Amino acid sequence: MPATTETTFTALDELRTSFEAYLAEIQAVEVSTPEQYEAAAFGLKSLKGWIKDITDYFEPDRKRTYDAYTAVTTQKALYINKAEAVEKVIKSKMGAFQKAEQDRIRQQQIAQAQAEAEARRQLAASMPTPDAPAMVPEVIIPQVQEPTKVSGISITKVYRWELEDSSKVRPIYFKIDEAMVSKVVRDFGPDASGMVGGIRVIEDVQIGSRRG
C-alpha cells in the first residue's frame, strides 16, 4: 500500500485512474488485528496526501471558474436585488389597497345587513289591519362591491404573530437549542445529561488522521 503520492498530475485521466486504484486497495483492508489496524492507519494517513494532490490539481481551475462565477453572480444579484426591492414596494402598496378593500367590503356587508333588517322591521310594522291598508316601506339596501381583481395577480391571506405572554405558550411549541445542547455535551461529556436534563448522552469513537 503506497504511503502517499507526491506526483503532480498533468492529466485528469491519470489522476482518476491512479486514485480509483488506490481507493480500491485501501477499502479492501481488513481491520481485525493490531497489525491490520496499523496498516489501515498508514493508509488513512496516506489518503491525506491524495487529498492534497487532488486539491492542487483542481485549484487553478476552481479559482478561475470561481472568480468568473462570482463576478457574474454579483452582477446578477445587483439587478435582481433592485427588481425585488421594487417588487416589494409595489406589493406593499397593493397589499395596503387590498386591506382597505376588505375593510370597505366588510363595512358594506354590515350596512347591507342592517338595511335588510330595517326593511324586514318596517315591513312587519306595515302589515295591514282592519282599519289601515298595507304600506310598502321604501328602504334602500346598499350593494356590496366586489374586490378589485387583475388577471395574473393572486391574493392570499397570510398571518403573522407576536409574543404576548411566554408563560402561556404550550410546551410543544418550545424549540430546543440543539447547538447549545451539543456544545454542553461536547464540553462536559456524560455530566451534560444532568446539566441539561431530559437527554441521554451517547459515547462514541471518532477517528482522526493527519498526513503521514
C-alpha atoms as a PDB file:
ATOM      1  CA  MET A   1       0.000   0.000   0.000  1.00  0.00           C
ATOM      2  CA  PRO A   2       1.631   3.312  -1.047  1.00  0.00           C
ATOM      3  CA  ALA A   3       2.146   5.832   1.749  1.00  0.00           C
ATOM      4  CA  THR A   4       1.214   8.852  -0.363  1.00  0.00           C
ATOM      5  CA  THR A   5       1.619  10.349  -3.792  1.00  0.00           C
ATOM      6  CA  GLU A   6       3.768  13.393  -4.348  1.00  0.00           C
ATOM      7  CA  THR A   7       3.184  13.317  -8.090  1.00  0.00           C
ATOM      8  CA  THR A   8       1.907  16.484  -9.713  1.00  0.00           C
ATOM      9  CA  PHE A   9      -0.629  15.186 -12.190  1.00  0.00           C
ATOM     10  CA  THR A  10      -0.925  16.831 -15.575  1.00  0.00           C
ATOM     11  CA  ALA A  11      -3.792  14.754 -16.919  1.00  0.00           C
ATOM     12  CA  LEU A  12      -7.149  14.169 -15.298  1.00  0.00           C
ATOM     13  CA  ASP A  13      -7.359  10.621 -16.645  1.00  0.00           C
ATOM     14  CA  GLU A  14      -4.078   9.741 -14.967  1.00  0.00           C
ATOM     15  CA  LEU A  15      -5.281  11.213 -11.698  1.00  0.00           C
ATOM     16  CA  ARG A  16      -8.608   9.401 -11.878  1.00  0.00           C
ATOM     17  CA  THR A  17      -7.050   6.026 -12.744  1.00  0.00           C
ATOM     18  CA  SER A  18      -4.414   6.172 -10.020  1.00  0.00           C
ATOM     19  CA  PHE A  19      -6.777   7.492  -7.369  1.00  0.00           C
ATOM     20  CA  GLU A  20      -9.512   4.948  -8.013  1.00  0.00           C
ATOM     21  CA  ALA A  21      -6.939   2.142  -7.893  1.00  0.00           C
ATOM     22  CA  TYR A  22      -5.685   3.446  -4.552  1.00  0.00           C
ATOM     23  CA  LEU A  23      -9.219   3.712  -3.151  1.00  0.00           C
ATOM     24  CA  ALA A  24      -9.979   0.128  -4.167  1.00  0.00           C
ATOM     25  CA  GLU A  25      -6.807  -1.022  -2.442  1.00  0.00           C
ATOM     26  CA  ILE A  26      -7.352   0.831   0.829  1.00  0.00           C
ATOM     27  CA  GLN A  27     -11.032  -0.064   1.073  1.00  0.00           C
ATOM     28  CA  ALA A  28     -10.165  -3.763   0.836  1.00  0.00           C
ATOM     29  CA  VAL A  29      -8.090  -3.625   4.027  1.00  0.00           C
ATOM     30  CA  GLU A  30      -9.448  -5.725   6.911  1.00  0.00           C
ATOM     31  CA  VAL A  31      -9.170  -4.354  10.439  1.00  0.00           C
ATOM     32  CA  SER A  32      -9.339  -7.227  12.890  1.00  0.00           C
ATOM     33  CA  THR A  33      -5.784  -7.428  14.253  1.00  0.00           C
ATOM     34  CA  PRO A  34      -3.320  -4.852  15.631  1.00  0.00           C
ATOM     35  CA  GLU A  35      -1.185  -5.265  12.500  1.00  0.00           C
ATOM     36  CA  GLN A  36      -4.149  -4.649  10.233  1.00  0.00           C
ATOM     37  CA  TYR A  37      -5.145  -1.665  12.353  1.00  0.00           C
ATOM     38  CA  GLU A  38      -1.674  -0.171  11.856  1.00  0.00           C
ATOM     39  CA  ALA A  39      -1.875  -0.846   8.115  1.00  0.00           C
ATOM     40  CA  ALA A  40      -5.278   0.836   7.955  1.00  0.00           C
ATOM     41  CA  ALA A  41      -3.920   3.817   9.889  1.00  0.00           C
ATOM     42  CA  PHE A  42      -0.996   4.040   7.484  1.00  0.00           C
ATOM     43  CA  GLY A  43      -3.387   4.017   4.540  1.00  0.00           C
ATOM     44  CA  LEU A  44      -5.651   6.598   6.197  1.00  0.00           C
ATOM     45  CA  LYS A  45      -2.719   8.977   6.607  1.00  0.00           C
ATOM     46  CA  SER A  46      -1.708   8.330   3.002  1.00  0.00           C
ATOM     47  CA  LEU A  47      -5.160   9.424   1.940  1.00  0.00           C
ATOM     48  CA  LYS A  48      -4.343  12.924   3.190  1.00  0.00           C
ATOM     49  CA  GLY A  49      -1.575  13.091   0.573  1.00  0.00           C
ATOM     50  CA  TRP A  50      -4.036  12.176  -2.136  1.00  0.00           C
ATOM     51  CA  ILE A  51      -6.440  14.840  -0.929  1.00  0.00           C
ATOM     52  CA  LYS A  52      -3.682  17.454  -1.212  1.00  0.00           C
ATOM     53  CA  ASP A  53      -2.747  16.287  -4.721  1.00  0.00           C
ATOM     54  CA  ILE A  54      -6.375  16.421  -5.814  1.00  0.00           C
ATOM     55  CA  THR A  55      -6.791  19.892  -4.302  1.00  0.00           C
ATOM     56  CA  ASP A  56      -3.629  21.145  -6.008  1.00  0.00           C
ATOM     57  CA  TYR A  57      -4.730  19.714  -9.340  1.00  0.00           C
ATOM     58  CA  PHE A  58      -8.162  21.312  -9.354  1.00  0.00           C
ATOM     59  CA  GLU A  59      -7.335  24.552  -7.528  1.00  0.00           C
ATOM     60  CA  PRO A  60      -6.291  26.654 -10.575  1.00  0.00           C
ATOM     61  CA  ASP A  61      -9.447  25.758 -12.492  1.00  0.00           C
ATOM     62  CA  ARG A  62     -11.575  26.140  -9.374  1.00  0.00           C
ATOM     63  CA  LYS A  63     -10.204  29.615  -8.680  1.00  0.00           C
ATOM     64  CA  ARG A  64     -10.546  30.722 -12.290  1.00  0.00           C
ATOM     65  CA  THR A  65     -14.103  29.474 -12.636  1.00  0.00           C
ATOM     66  CA  TYR A  66     -14.996  30.680  -9.137  1.00  0.00           C
ATOM     67  CA  ASP A  67     -13.793  34.205  -9.909  1.00  0.00           C
ATOM     68  CA  ALA A  68     -15.853  34.233 -13.104  1.00  0.00           C
ATOM     69  CA  TYR A  69     -18.833  32.758 -11.268  1.00  0.00           C
ATOM     70  CA  THR A  70     -18.522  35.367  -8.508  1.00  0.00           C
ATOM     71  CA  ALA A  71     -18.404  38.233 -10.991  1.00  0.00           C
ATOM     72  CA  VAL A  72     -21.445  37.004 -12.886  1.00  0.00           C
ATOM     73  CA  THR A  73     -23.345  36.224  -9.688  1.00  0.00           C
ATOM     74  CA  THR A  74     -22.581  39.690  -8.316  1.00  0.00           C
ATOM     75  CA  GLN A  75     -23.941  41.381 -11.435  1.00  0.00           C
ATOM     76  CA  LYS A  76     -26.984  39.116 -11.438  1.00  0.00           C
ATOM     77  CA  ALA A  77     -27.663  39.835  -7.758  1.00  0.00           C
ATOM     78  CA  LEU A  78     -27.322  43.589  -8.364  1.00  0.00           C
ATOM     79  CA  TYR A  79     -30.171  43.663 -10.870  1.00  0.00           C
ATOM     80  CA  ILE A  80     -32.303  41.057  -9.116  1.00  0.00           C
ATOM     81  CA  ASN A  81     -31.998  42.862  -5.783  1.00  0.00           C
ATOM     82  CA  LYS A  82     -33.156  46.114  -7.399  1.00  0.00           C
ATOM     83  CA  ALA A  83     -36.066  44.341  -9.067  1.00  0.00           C
ATOM     84  CA  GLU A  84     -37.050  42.581  -5.848  1.00  0.00           C
ATOM     85  CA  ALA A  85     -36.858  45.849  -3.898  1.00  0.00           C
ATOM     86  CA  VAL A  86     -39.275  47.477  -6.353  1.00  0.00           C
ATOM     87  CA  GLU A  87     -41.446  44.360  -6.296  1.00  0.00           C
ATOM     88  CA  LYS A  88     -41.606  44.595  -2.511  1.00  0.00           C
ATOM     89  CA  VAL A  89     -42.690  48.244  -2.657  1.00  0.00           C
ATOM     90  CA  ILE A  90     -45.404  47.535  -5.233  1.00  0.00           C
ATOM     91  CA  LYS A  91     -46.677  44.510  -3.316  1.00  0.00           C
ATOM     92  CA  SER A  92     -46.784  46.580  -0.144  1.00  0.00           C
ATOM     93  CA  LYS A  93     -48.890  49.241  -1.862  1.00  0.00           C
ATOM     94  CA  MET A  94     -51.171  46.634  -3.421  1.00  0.00           C
ATOM     95  CA  GLY A  95     -51.481  44.873  -0.071  1.00  0.00           C
ATOM     96  CA  ALA A  96     -52.492  48.110   1.631  1.00  0.00           C
ATOM     97  CA  PHE A  97     -55.059  48.695  -1.114  1.00  0.00           C
ATOM     98  CA  GLN A  98     -56.491  45.182  -0.748  1.00  0.00           C
ATOM     99  CA  LYS A  99     -56.682  45.591   3.023  1.00  0.00           C
ATOM    100  CA  ALA A 100     -58.629  48.829   2.514  1.00  0.00           C
ATOM    101  CA  GLU A 101     -60.830  46.991   0.003  1.00  0.00           C
ATOM    102  CA  GLN A 102     -61.541  44.258   2.520  1.00  0.00           C
ATOM    103  CA  ASP A 103     -62.391  46.842   5.177  1.00  0.00           C
ATOM    104  CA  ARG A 104     -64.692  48.597   2.695  1.00  0.00           C
ATOM    105  CA  ILE A 105     -66.431  45.355   1.762  1.00  0.00           C
ATOM    106  CA  ARG A 106     -66.797  44.453   5.424  1.00  0.00           C
ATOM    107  CA  GLN A 107     -68.429  47.809   6.162  1.00  0.00           C
ATOM    108  CA  GLN A 108     -70.697  47.450   3.132  1.00  0.00           C
ATOM    109  CA  GLN A 109     -71.754  43.981   4.269  1.00  0.00           C
ATOM    110  CA  ILE A 110     -72.583  45.351   7.705  1.00  0.00           C
ATOM    111  CA  ALA A 111     -74.579  48.215   6.170  1.00  0.00           C
ATOM    112  CA  GLN A 112     -76.366  45.802   3.858  1.00  0.00           C
ATOM    113  CA  ALA A 113     -77.289  43.515   6.734  1.00  0.00           C
ATOM    114  CA  GLN A 114     -78.543  46.457   8.794  1.00  0.00           C
ATOM    115  CA  ALA A 115     -80.605  47.774   5.881  1.00  0.00           C
ATOM    116  CA  GLU A 116     -82.136  44.366   5.253  1.00  0.00           C
ATOM    117  CA  ALA A 117     -83.001  44.050   8.945  1.00  0.00           C
ATOM    118  CA  GLU A 118     -84.582  47.510   8.897  1.00  0.00           C
ATOM    119  CA  ALA A 119     -86.584  46.605   5.801  1.00  0.00           C
ATOM    120  CA  ARG A 120     -87.879  43.473   7.492  1.00  0.00           C
ATOM    121  CA  ARG A 121     -88.761  45.500  10.603  1.00  0.00           C
ATOM    122  CA  GLN A 122     -90.625  48.147   8.621  1.00  0.00           C
ATOM    123  CA  LEU A 123     -92.390  45.511   6.561  1.00  0.00           C
ATOM    124  CA  ALA A 124     -93.587  43.795   9.701  1.00  0.00           C
ATOM    125  CA  ALA A 125     -94.722  47.124  11.121  1.00  0.00           C
ATOM    126  CA  SER A 126     -96.695  47.934   7.959  1.00  0.00           C
ATOM    127  CA  MET A 127     -98.769  44.788   7.915  1.00  0.00           C
ATOM    128  CA  PRO A 128    -102.420  45.684   7.084  1.00  0.00           C
ATOM    129  CA  THR A 129    -105.022  45.989   9.820  1.00  0.00           C
ATOM    130  CA  PRO A 130    -108.816  46.227   9.544  1.00  0.00           C
ATOM    131  CA  ASP A 131    -108.533  49.998   9.829  1.00  0.00           C
ATOM    132  CA  ALA A 132    -105.433  50.649   7.614  1.00  0.00           C
ATOM    133  CA  PRO A 133    -104.230  49.316   4.264  1.00  0.00           C
ATOM    134  CA  ALA A 134    -100.756  47.822   3.770  1.00  0.00           C
ATOM    135  CA  MET A 135     -97.921  50.333   3.205  1.00  0.00           C
ATOM    136  CA  VAL A 136     -94.773  49.113   1.412  1.00  0.00           C
ATOM    137  CA  PRO A 137     -91.767  50.834   3.010  1.00  0.00           C
ATOM    138  CA  GLU A 138     -89.065  52.337   0.817  1.00  0.00           C
ATOM    139  CA  VAL A 139     -85.700  51.161   2.172  1.00  0.00           C
ATOM    140  CA  ILE A 140     -82.520  51.461   0.073  1.00  0.00           C
ATOM    141  CA  ILE A 141     -80.292  48.419   0.548  1.00  0.00           C
ATOM    142  CA  PRO A 142     -76.646  49.193  -0.347  1.00  0.00           C
ATOM    143  CA  GLN A 143     -74.911  46.771  -2.698  1.00  0.00           C
ATOM    144  CA  VAL A 144     -71.579  45.194  -1.835  1.00  0.00           C
ATOM    145  CA  GLN A 145     -68.954  45.958  -4.476  1.00  0.00           C
ATOM    146  CA  GLU A 146     -66.668  43.100  -5.492  1.00  0.00           C
ATOM    147  CA  PRO A 147     -62.942  43.419  -4.703  1.00  0.00           C
ATOM    148  CA  THR A 148     -60.634  44.600  -7.480  1.00  0.00           C
ATOM    149  CA  LYS A 149     -59.163  41.691  -9.444  1.00  0.00           C
ATOM    150  CA  VAL A 150     -56.404  41.639 -12.069  1.00  0.00           C
ATOM    151  CA  SER A 151     -55.515  38.647 -14.227  1.00  0.00           C
ATOM    152  CA  GLY A 152     -52.202  37.109 -13.187  1.00  0.00           C
ATOM    153  CA  ILE A 153     -52.290  38.629  -9.701  1.00  0.00           C
ATOM    154  CA  SER A 154     -53.267  36.409  -6.796  1.00  0.00           C
ATOM    155  CA  ILE A 155     -54.406  37.482  -3.344  1.00  0.00           C
ATOM    156  CA  THR A 156     -53.696  35.166  -0.441  1.00  0.00           C
ATOM    157  CA  LYS A 157     -54.413  35.739   3.227  1.00  0.00           C
ATOM    158  CA  VAL A 158     -51.274  35.408   5.327  1.00  0.00           C
ATOM    159  CA  TYR A 159     -50.893  35.554   9.080  1.00  0.00           C
ATOM    160  CA  ARG A 160     -48.092  36.501  11.445  1.00  0.00           C
ATOM    161  CA  TRP A 161     -47.775  36.517  15.196  1.00  0.00           C
ATOM    162  CA  GLU A 162     -46.149  38.310  18.087  1.00  0.00           C
ATOM    163  CA  LEU A 163     -45.488  37.057  21.611  1.00  0.00           C
ATOM    164  CA  GLU A 164     -47.824  38.328  24.331  1.00  0.00           C
ATOM    165  CA  ASP A 165     -47.160  36.019  27.290  1.00  0.00           C
ATOM    166  CA  SER A 166     -44.472  33.315  27.117  1.00  0.00           C
ATOM    167  CA  SER A 167     -45.851  31.622  30.250  1.00  0.00           C
ATOM    168  CA  LYS A 168     -48.988  30.684  28.333  1.00  0.00           C
ATOM    169  CA  VAL A 169     -47.187  29.066  25.388  1.00  0.00           C
ATOM    170  CA  ARG A 170     -47.705  25.295  25.345  1.00  0.00           C
ATOM    171  CA  PRO A 171     -44.500  23.254  25.824  1.00  0.00           C
ATOM    172  CA  ILE A 172     -44.976  21.524  22.462  1.00  0.00           C
ATOM    173  CA  TYR A 173     -44.085  24.804  20.766  1.00  0.00           C
ATOM    174  CA  PHE A 174     -40.829  25.266  22.664  1.00  0.00           C
ATOM    175  CA  LYS A 175     -37.749  24.682  20.484  1.00  0.00           C
ATOM    176  CA  ILE A 176     -34.672  23.037  21.937  1.00  0.00           C
ATOM    177  CA  ASP A 177     -31.463  24.941  21.213  1.00  0.00           C
ATOM    178  CA  GLU A 178     -29.634  21.985  19.669  1.00  0.00           C
ATOM    179  CA  ALA A 179     -26.425  23.955  19.117  1.00  0.00           C
ATOM    180  CA  MET A 180     -26.208  24.899  22.791  1.00  0.00           C
ATOM    181  CA  VAL A 181     -27.043  21.373  23.975  1.00  0.00           C
ATOM    182  CA  SER A 182     -24.416  19.910  21.624  1.00  0.00           C
ATOM    183  CA  LYS A 183     -21.785  22.299  22.965  1.00  0.00           C
ATOM    184  CA  VAL A 184     -22.577  21.342  26.570  1.00  0.00           C
ATOM    185  CA  VAL A 185     -22.336  17.644  25.634  1.00  0.00           C
ATOM    186  CA  ARG A 186     -19.001  18.176  23.876  1.00  0.00           C
ATOM    187  CA  ASP A 187     -17.586  20.156  26.801  1.00  0.00           C
ATOM    188  CA  PHE A 188     -18.870  18.056  29.711  1.00  0.00           C
ATOM    189  CA  GLY A 189     -19.492  14.599  28.272  1.00  0.00           C
ATOM    190  CA  PRO A 190     -21.663  12.346  30.485  1.00  0.00           C
ATOM    191  CA  ASP A 191     -22.165  15.157  33.028  1.00  0.00           C
ATOM    192  CA  ALA A 192     -24.175  17.065  30.408  1.00  0.00           C
ATOM    193  CA  SER A 193     -27.115  14.729  30.992  1.00  0.00           C
ATOM    194  CA  GLY A 194     -27.732  16.149  34.470  1.00  0.00           C
ATOM    195  CA  MET A 195     -26.919  19.699  33.419  1.00  0.00           C
ATOM    196  CA  VAL A 196     -29.400  19.800  30.543  1.00  0.00           C
ATOM    197  CA  GLY A 197     -31.995  17.350  31.817  1.00  0.00           C
ATOM    198  CA  GLY A 198     -34.182  15.150  29.675  1.00  0.00           C
ATOM    199  CA  ILE A 199     -31.358  13.938  27.425  1.00  0.00           C
ATOM    200  CA  ARG A 200     -29.187  10.817  27.242  1.00  0.00           C
ATOM    201  CA  VAL A 201     -25.515  11.293  26.416  1.00  0.00           C
ATOM    202  CA  ILE A 202     -24.203   8.687  23.990  1.00  0.00           C
ATOM    203  CA  GLU A 203     -20.472   7.975  23.898  1.00  0.00           C
ATOM    204  CA  ASP A 204     -18.957   7.207  20.516  1.00  0.00           C
ATOM    205  CA  VAL A 205     -15.495   6.994  18.961  1.00  0.00           C
ATOM    206  CA  GLN A 206     -14.226   9.323  16.277  1.00  0.00           C
ATOM    207  CA  ILE A 207     -11.072   8.530  14.317  1.00  0.00           C
ATOM    208  CA  GLY A 208      -8.836  11.433  13.331  1.00  0.00           C
ATOM    209  CA  SER A 209      -5.890  11.399  10.941  1.00  0.00           C
ATOM    210  CA  ARG A 210      -3.164  13.670   9.633  1.00  0.00           C
ATOM    211  CA  ARG A 211      -0.897  13.324   6.673  1.00  0.00           C
ATOM    212  CA  GLY A 212       1.974  10.941   7.394  1.00  0.00           C
END
